[in-house]
Amino acid sequence: MAFVRLDTQDFVVSADSITAPAWTNNAPTLTSMYTSSVQAAGSSGNYYLNIYQTSSTDPSAEIQFNIAYGNLYGSGSLLYNAGISGLSPTRTIYGQFRNLIYGDENATFTFNGITQPDFYVITVDRARYKQSLLPGSLNIQLSGSNRPLYLTDNSLNTTVVSYLDCGRVFQIVSGSNGAAISAANSAPGAVAAGMTISGSYGLFLPDIGTIILNAAALDLSFPNGGVSLGTSKANNTTGFNPGRLYLKMASGSTLASSFTLNSQETVTSDFVFVRARNGEFNYSENPSFISGSTGTILYDAFIQNPQTYITTVGMYNDNNELLAVAKLSKPLKKDFTKEALVRVKLDF
């Protein structure tokens, strides 16, 4: 068996970005959203909800994303222990996402420079994306008393990407397809520069599949850029806040809401260019070519004018151990008058 060593110029590395809809069955937009009545009636439903693309009792139901509410002071939910002030599920949620996003237990959430003590968090189910979410694909429509509010990330308006401990971060603004609205009330749900007096509408964190929504901005009235969400911030009281956001996202009225999102994956490929020059690989050790007992060529015509057919490319290491095999779509004829160049693609 003949071996030919590959040179460094025979290798090329390429990275391609592959995008796909995030929701079940490759649906680009989620227009129907359902919760589980069992979960909603339980204690966790007060501060955390799973959202499905169909009725949770349907065999095809799959979790699409989750909604939770976090509060720095523990407001908006019952205390774990009535004797320990401020220690509640909403405070735990705030701390969990603070550590995940900022990597600092003393950090506070800021939205376009304005610090706020509470937020809603949408976590896209891990099964809905492979590597990350695609900036510019986020479009959330929230129903309001007058007309919908359209939210997106500001990736198209960002020249220098910002990073937190969890990866890339973009501001969530009023607009569509990654671009903020530039003029007040120029379109339904428009707010000047995509911001409110309470800061941006939130943070888009594509590398961890998380969307943080600024509760203070959503609580504003429509003229001020909000949807009058009415977040409950009473101490040691069940606020049912995740349900408030869910109703704005899944309204069945004429102001029906929608949630569009794509996932993104970078696939790295190694291209290996395997060359069979005119004087190489013209003879074969196949029993139809040579005698198995004597090792002589069976047909005299093949001595000076051999013909072979390349069907497989094998790649070996220095110990002659087979590492990879590439199959050609059809046999490739080879003789002294022909040269072959086979491009092998390795994805990982």
Protein backbone atom coordinates (compact mmCIF):
# COMPACT_ATOMS: atom_id res chain seq x y z
CA MET A 1 0.00 0.00 0.00
CA ALA A 2 1.38 3.40 -0.98
CA PHE A 3 1.19 6.41 1.30
CA VAL A 4 1.66 10.09 0.44
CA ARG A 5 2.31 12.58 3.24
CA LEU A 6 0.04 15.61 3.29
CA ASP A 7 1.68 19.04 3.32
CA THR A 8 0.59 22.02 5.42
CA GLN A 9 -0.82 23.73 2.33
CA ASP A 10 -3.16 20.79 1.88
CA PHE A 11 -5.18 21.87 4.95
CA VAL A 12 -7.64 24.75 5.10
CA VAL A 13 -9.84 25.61 8.12
CA SER A 14 -13.23 27.26 7.54
CA ALA A 15 -15.97 28.43 9.92
CA ASP A 16 -19.57 28.78 8.76
CA SER A 17 -22.48 30.26 10.69
CA ILE A 18 -25.67 28.21 10.47
CA THR A 19 -28.97 29.69 11.58
CA ALA A 20 -32.32 28.03 12.19
CA PRO A 21 -35.69 28.91 13.79
CA ALA A 22 -35.62 28.40 17.53
CA TRP A 23 -39.07 26.98 18.11
CA THR A 24 -40.37 23.42 17.82
CA ASN A 25 -40.86 22.07 14.28
CA ASN A 26 -38.60 24.87 12.98
CA ALA A 27 -41.31 27.44 13.45
CA PRO A 28 -39.79 30.94 13.06
CA THR A 29 -42.53 32.66 15.06
CA LEU A 30 -44.33 31.51 18.17
CA THR A 31 -47.89 32.84 18.01
CA SER A 32 -49.63 30.37 20.32
CA MET A 33 -48.36 30.13 23.88
CA TYR A 34 -49.66 27.95 26.68
CA THR A 35 -48.85 27.32 30.33
CA SER A 36 -49.45 24.25 32.45
CA SER A 37 -52.46 24.71 34.71
CA VAL A 38 -50.89 22.29 37.18
CA GLN A 39 -47.69 24.31 37.42
CA ALA A 40 -49.49 27.66 37.43
CA ALA A 41 -51.64 26.52 40.37
CA GLY A 42 -48.61 25.30 42.32
CA SER A 43 -46.28 27.32 44.48
CA SER A 44 -43.65 27.70 41.73
CA GLY A 45 -46.22 29.27 39.40
CA ASN A 46 -46.13 32.40 41.52
CA TYR A 47 -42.65 33.29 40.29
CA TYR A 48 -41.80 30.85 37.45
CA LEU A 49 -43.75 29.58 34.41
CA ASN A 50 -42.98 27.13 31.61
CA ILE A 51 -44.36 28.15 28.21
CA TYR A 52 -45.39 25.57 25.59
CA GLN A 53 -46.23 25.85 21.88
CA THR A 54 -49.46 23.90 22.41
CA SER A 55 -51.58 22.70 25.31
CA SER A 56 -49.35 21.14 27.95
CA THR A 57 -51.55 18.03 27.90
CA ASP A 58 -50.90 17.53 24.18
CA PRO A 59 -48.36 14.73 23.55
CA SER A 60 -46.46 17.04 21.18
CA ALA A 61 -46.14 19.81 23.78
CA GLU A 62 -42.57 20.94 24.41
CA ILE A 63 -41.23 23.71 26.62
CA GLN A 64 -40.23 26.67 24.45
CA PHE A 65 -39.09 29.11 27.12
CA ASN A 66 -39.56 30.05 30.76
CA ILE A 67 -40.65 33.27 32.43
CA ALA A 68 -39.43 34.21 35.90
CA TYR A 69 -39.44 37.34 38.02
CA GLY A 70 -36.52 38.51 40.15
CA ASN A 71 -36.41 41.26 42.75
CA LEU A 72 -33.35 42.53 44.62
CA TYR A 73 -35.35 42.97 47.85
CA GLY A 74 -37.37 39.77 47.59
CA SER A 75 -40.63 41.56 46.89
CA GLY A 76 -43.38 40.07 44.76
CA SER A 77 -43.49 36.63 46.41
CA LEU A 78 -44.01 35.00 49.78
CA LEU A 79 -41.06 34.65 52.12
CA TYR A 80 -39.43 31.27 52.64
CA ASN A 81 -39.64 31.94 56.33
CA ALA A 82 -41.84 34.68 57.77
CA GLY A 83 -39.16 35.36 60.36
CA ILE A 84 -36.46 36.17 57.78
CA SER A 85 -37.25 39.42 56.00
CA GLY A 86 -36.54 39.70 52.27
CA LEU A 87 -35.57 36.07 51.75
CA SER A 88 -37.94 34.82 49.03
CA PRO A 89 -37.91 33.08 45.63
CA THR A 90 -37.78 36.39 43.76
CA ARG A 91 -34.64 37.39 45.64
CA THR A 92 -33.11 33.99 44.89
CA ILE A 93 -33.87 34.42 41.19
CA TYR A 94 -32.30 37.87 41.22
CA GLY A 95 -29.14 36.48 42.82
CA GLN A 96 -28.93 33.49 40.49
CA PHE A 97 -29.04 35.58 37.33
CA ARG A 98 -26.79 38.26 38.81
CA ASN A 99 -24.09 35.63 39.37
CA LEU A 100 -24.70 34.03 35.96
CA ILE A 101 -24.62 37.28 33.99
CA TYR A 102 -22.22 39.51 35.92
CA GLY A 103 -20.23 36.93 37.86
CA ASP A 104 -20.42 39.26 40.87
CA GLU A 105 -22.76 38.80 43.82
CA ASN A 106 -22.65 42.54 44.51
CA ALA A 107 -23.57 43.67 40.98
CA THR A 108 -26.86 45.34 40.11
CA PHE A 109 -28.80 45.20 36.86
CA THR A 110 -28.52 48.32 34.75
CA PHE A 111 -30.45 49.09 31.58
CA ASN A 112 -28.76 51.67 29.36
CA GLY A 113 -27.03 53.08 32.44
CA ILE A 114 -30.08 53.13 34.72
CA THR A 115 -30.07 50.70 37.67
CA GLN A 116 -33.32 48.90 38.44
CA PRO A 117 -34.10 46.55 41.37
CA ASP A 118 -36.23 44.01 39.51
CA PHE A 119 -36.64 42.32 36.16
CA TYR A 120 -38.43 39.62 34.21
CA VAL A 121 -36.24 36.92 32.70
CA ILE A 122 -37.06 34.80 29.66
CA THR A 123 -34.82 31.76 29.35
CA VAL A 124 -35.10 29.93 26.04
CA ASP A 125 -35.21 26.18 26.62
CA ARG A 126 -31.80 24.63 25.95
CA ALA A 127 -33.28 22.16 23.47
CA ARG A 128 -34.40 25.05 21.24
CA TYR A 129 -30.88 26.12 20.19
CA LYS A 130 -27.48 24.50 19.72
CA GLN A 131 -24.87 27.16 20.42
CA SER A 132 -26.41 30.59 20.85
CA LEU A 133 -29.26 32.85 19.81
CA LEU A 134 -28.91 34.98 16.69
CA PRO A 135 -28.60 38.75 17.31
CA GLY A 136 -31.01 40.69 15.14
CA SER A 137 -33.59 37.90 15.03
CA LEU A 138 -35.34 38.83 18.28
CA ASN A 139 -38.84 40.23 17.85
CA ILE A 140 -41.27 40.28 20.78
CA GLN A 141 -44.72 41.77 20.45
CA LEU A 142 -46.46 42.69 23.70
CA SER A 143 -50.13 43.60 23.73
CA GLY A 144 -51.02 46.95 25.25
CA SER A 145 -54.16 48.88 26.03
CA ASN A 146 -53.79 50.99 22.88
CA ARG A 147 -51.59 49.01 20.51
CA PRO A 148 -48.75 46.50 20.67
CA LEU A 149 -45.24 47.26 21.78
CA TYR A 150 -42.53 45.83 19.51
CA LEU A 151 -39.22 44.90 21.09
CA THR A 152 -35.93 43.78 19.55
CA ASP A 153 -32.21 43.87 20.33
CA ASN A 154 -30.05 46.74 19.10
CA SER A 155 -27.35 44.61 17.44
CA LEU A 156 -27.63 46.44 14.10
CA ASN A 157 -27.16 49.78 15.87
CA THR A 158 -24.11 48.53 17.78
CA THR A 159 -20.66 49.19 16.32
CA VAL A 160 -18.71 47.79 19.28
CA VAL A 161 -20.13 44.70 20.97
CA SER A 162 -20.17 44.77 24.77
CA TYR A 163 -19.43 41.75 26.92
CA LEU A 164 -20.39 40.66 30.41
CA ASP A 165 -19.21 37.61 32.32
CA CYS A 166 -21.74 35.49 30.39
CA GLY A 167 -20.71 36.69 26.93
CA ARG A 168 -22.15 39.20 24.48
CA VAL A 169 -24.80 41.67 25.64
CA PHE A 170 -27.16 43.90 23.65
CA GLN A 171 -29.79 46.36 24.81
CA ILE A 172 -33.44 45.54 24.12
CA VAL A 173 -35.18 48.48 22.48
CA SER A 174 -38.40 49.26 20.69
CA GLY A 175 -38.02 48.38 17.03
CA SER A 176 -37.68 45.29 14.87
CA ASN A 177 -35.06 42.92 13.46
CA GLY A 178 -32.16 44.27 15.49
CA ALA A 179 -32.73 47.98 14.82
CA ALA A 180 -34.19 50.58 17.16
CA ILE A 181 -36.92 52.99 16.13
CA SER A 182 -35.40 56.41 15.64
CA ALA A 183 -38.44 58.69 15.91
CA ALA A 184 -41.16 58.75 18.55
CA ASN A 185 -44.47 57.21 17.50
CA SER A 186 -43.34 56.75 13.90
CA ALA A 187 -44.79 53.24 14.02
CA PRO A 188 -47.02 51.19 16.34
CA GLY A 189 -45.28 50.72 19.65
CA ALA A 190 -42.54 53.21 18.80
CA VAL A 191 -40.49 55.02 21.41
CA ALA A 192 -37.83 57.62 20.63
CA ALA A 193 -34.40 56.00 20.26
CA GLY A 194 -35.96 52.76 21.45
CA MET A 195 -35.53 53.78 25.11
CA THR A 196 -37.75 54.89 28.00
CA ILE A 197 -37.24 57.12 31.00
CA SER A 198 -36.52 53.93 32.94
CA GLY A 199 -33.71 52.85 30.62
CA SER A 200 -33.75 50.29 27.86
CA TYR A 201 -36.34 47.53 27.81
CA GLY A 202 -33.78 44.99 28.90
CA LEU A 203 -30.72 42.94 27.98
CA PHE A 204 -30.35 40.37 25.22
CA LEU A 205 -27.76 37.72 26.13
CA PRO A 206 -27.47 35.43 23.10
CA ASP A 207 -24.64 33.24 24.39
CA ILE A 208 -26.70 31.92 27.32
CA GLY A 209 -30.12 32.02 25.63
CA THR A 210 -31.47 34.62 28.06
CA ILE A 211 -33.57 37.77 27.73
CA ILE A 212 -33.80 40.15 30.69
CA LEU A 213 -36.74 42.56 30.55
CA ASN A 214 -36.78 45.79 32.53
CA ALA A 215 -39.87 45.64 34.73
CA ALA A 216 -39.86 49.39 35.32
CA ALA A 217 -39.96 50.12 31.58
CA LEU A 218 -42.84 47.71 30.95
CA ASP A 219 -44.79 49.15 33.89
CA LEU A 220 -44.89 52.58 32.22
CA SER A 221 -48.03 53.77 30.49
CA PHE A 222 -48.21 53.56 26.72
CA PRO A 223 -47.46 57.29 26.11
CA ASN A 224 -44.25 56.79 28.09
CA GLY A 225 -43.29 53.64 26.20
CA GLY A 226 -44.65 50.85 28.41
CA VAL A 227 -47.59 48.46 28.39
CA SER A 228 -48.90 49.20 31.92
CA LEU A 229 -47.75 45.76 33.03
CA GLY A 230 -48.49 46.50 36.70
CA THR A 231 -45.71 44.48 38.34
CA SER A 232 -46.59 43.64 41.95
CA LYS A 233 -43.79 44.64 44.31
CA ALA A 234 -45.51 44.13 47.66
CA ASN A 235 -43.47 42.47 50.38
CA ASN A 236 -44.33 38.90 51.45
CA THR A 237 -47.22 38.81 48.98
CA THR A 238 -47.89 36.51 46.04
CA GLY A 239 -47.48 38.74 43.01
CA PHE A 240 -48.12 36.29 40.16
CA ASN A 241 -45.78 38.48 38.11
CA PRO A 242 -44.70 35.86 35.53
CA GLY A 243 -48.37 35.45 34.67
CA ARG A 244 -48.67 39.18 34.04
CA LEU A 245 -45.94 39.10 31.40
CA TYR A 246 -47.31 35.86 29.95
CA LEU A 247 -50.71 37.48 29.35
CA LYS A 248 -49.03 40.36 27.50
CA MET A 249 -47.11 37.88 25.34
CA ALA A 250 -49.97 35.46 24.67
CA SER A 251 -52.93 37.79 24.27
CA GLY A 252 -55.73 36.24 22.25
CA SER A 253 -57.29 39.57 21.35
CA THR A 254 -56.96 41.52 18.12
CA LEU A 255 -53.65 42.70 19.53
CA ALA A 256 -52.36 39.12 19.44
CA SER A 257 -48.71 38.85 20.36
CA SER A 258 -45.85 36.95 18.77
CA PHE A 259 -42.30 35.90 19.60
CA THR A 260 -39.77 35.46 16.78
CA LEU A 261 -36.28 34.13 17.43
CA ASN A 262 -33.55 32.23 15.56
CA SER A 263 -30.67 30.16 16.83
CA GLN A 264 -27.10 30.30 15.58
CA GLU A 265 -24.33 27.73 15.38
CA THR A 266 -20.76 28.06 14.14
CA VAL A 267 -19.63 24.89 12.38
CA THR A 268 -15.88 24.58 11.95
CA SER A 269 -14.72 22.53 8.98
CA ASP A 270 -11.32 21.18 8.02
CA PHE A 271 -10.80 20.92 4.28
CA VAL A 272 -8.11 18.46 3.26
CA PHE A 273 -6.95 18.53 -0.37
CA VAL A 274 -5.76 15.08 -1.38
CA ARG A 275 -3.76 15.03 -4.61
CA ALA A 276 -3.07 12.00 -6.77
CA ARG A 277 -0.43 13.08 -9.29
CA ASN A 278 -0.01 11.48 -12.68
CA GLY A 279 2.64 9.04 -11.51
CA GLU A 280 0.85 8.01 -8.31
CA PHE A 281 -1.85 5.45 -7.47
CA ASN A 282 -1.89 3.89 -10.95
CA TYR A 283 -1.38 0.37 -9.64
CA SER A 284 -3.56 -1.57 -7.23
CA GLU A 285 -3.13 -4.47 -4.83
CA ASN A 286 -6.65 -5.65 -5.55
CA PRO A 287 -6.79 -9.40 -6.46
CA SER A 288 -8.33 -8.47 -9.82
CA PHE A 289 -5.16 -6.51 -10.66
CA ILE A 290 -2.32 -8.70 -9.35
CA SER A 291 -1.80 -12.36 -8.59
CA GLY A 292 -2.26 -13.11 -4.93
CA SER A 293 0.37 -15.89 -5.00
CA THR A 294 3.15 -14.32 -7.04
CA GLY A 295 2.33 -10.59 -6.84
CA THR A 296 2.64 -10.18 -10.60
CA ILE A 297 0.29 -8.09 -12.73
CA LEU A 298 -2.37 -10.34 -14.23
CA TYR A 299 -2.67 -8.50 -17.55
CA ASP A 300 0.37 -7.50 -19.57
CA ALA A 301 -1.43 -4.43 -20.89
CA PHE A 302 -1.50 -3.04 -17.36
CA ILE A 303 2.27 -3.12 -17.00
CA GLN A 304 2.95 -0.03 -19.10
CA ASN A 305 -0.58 1.35 -19.21
CA PRO A 306 -2.33 0.55 -15.91
CA GLN A 307 -5.78 1.80 -15.06
CA THR A 308 -7.27 2.03 -11.59
CA TYR A 309 -10.44 3.49 -10.11
CA ILE A 310 -10.29 5.58 -6.96
CA THR A 311 -13.29 4.94 -4.74
CA THR A 312 -12.04 5.77 -1.24
CA VAL A 313 -9.61 8.17 0.40
CA GLY A 314 -8.11 7.07 3.71
CA MET A 315 -6.20 9.38 6.05
CA TYR A 316 -3.63 7.90 8.41
CA ASN A 317 -1.39 9.09 11.20
CA ASP A 318 2.37 8.49 11.45
CA ASN A 319 1.72 5.03 12.93
CA ASN A 320 -0.23 4.04 9.82
CA GLU A 321 -3.46 3.99 11.85
CA LEU A 322 -6.57 4.84 9.83
CA LEU A 323 -8.22 7.98 11.25
CA ALA A 324 -10.79 8.98 8.65
CA VAL A 325 -12.34 7.63 5.47
CA ALA A 326 -13.92 9.60 2.64
CA LYS A 327 -16.06 7.89 0.02
CA LEU A 328 -16.31 9.31 -3.51
CA SER A 329 -19.77 9.59 -5.04
CA LYS A 330 -18.59 7.50 -8.01
CA PRO A 331 -15.32 5.73 -8.97
CA LEU A 332 -12.68 8.05 -10.41
CA LYS A 333 -10.60 6.63 -13.27
CA LYS A 334 -6.85 7.06 -12.85
CA ASP A 335 -3.85 6.36 -15.11
CA PHE A 336 -0.52 7.99 -16.05
CA THR A 337 -2.28 10.63 -18.13
CA LYS A 338 -4.58 11.86 -15.34
CA GLU A 339 -4.23 13.65 -12.05
CA ALA A 340 -6.90 13.79 -9.35
CA LEU A 341 -7.68 16.36 -6.67
CA VAL A 342 -10.14 15.25 -3.98
CA ARG A 343 -11.40 17.74 -1.40
CA VAL A 344 -12.29 16.09 1.89
CA LYS A 345 -14.44 18.05 4.35
CA LEU A 346 -14.30 17.24 8.06
CA ASP A 347 -17.00 18.90 10.22
CA PHE A 348 -16.79 19.09 13.97
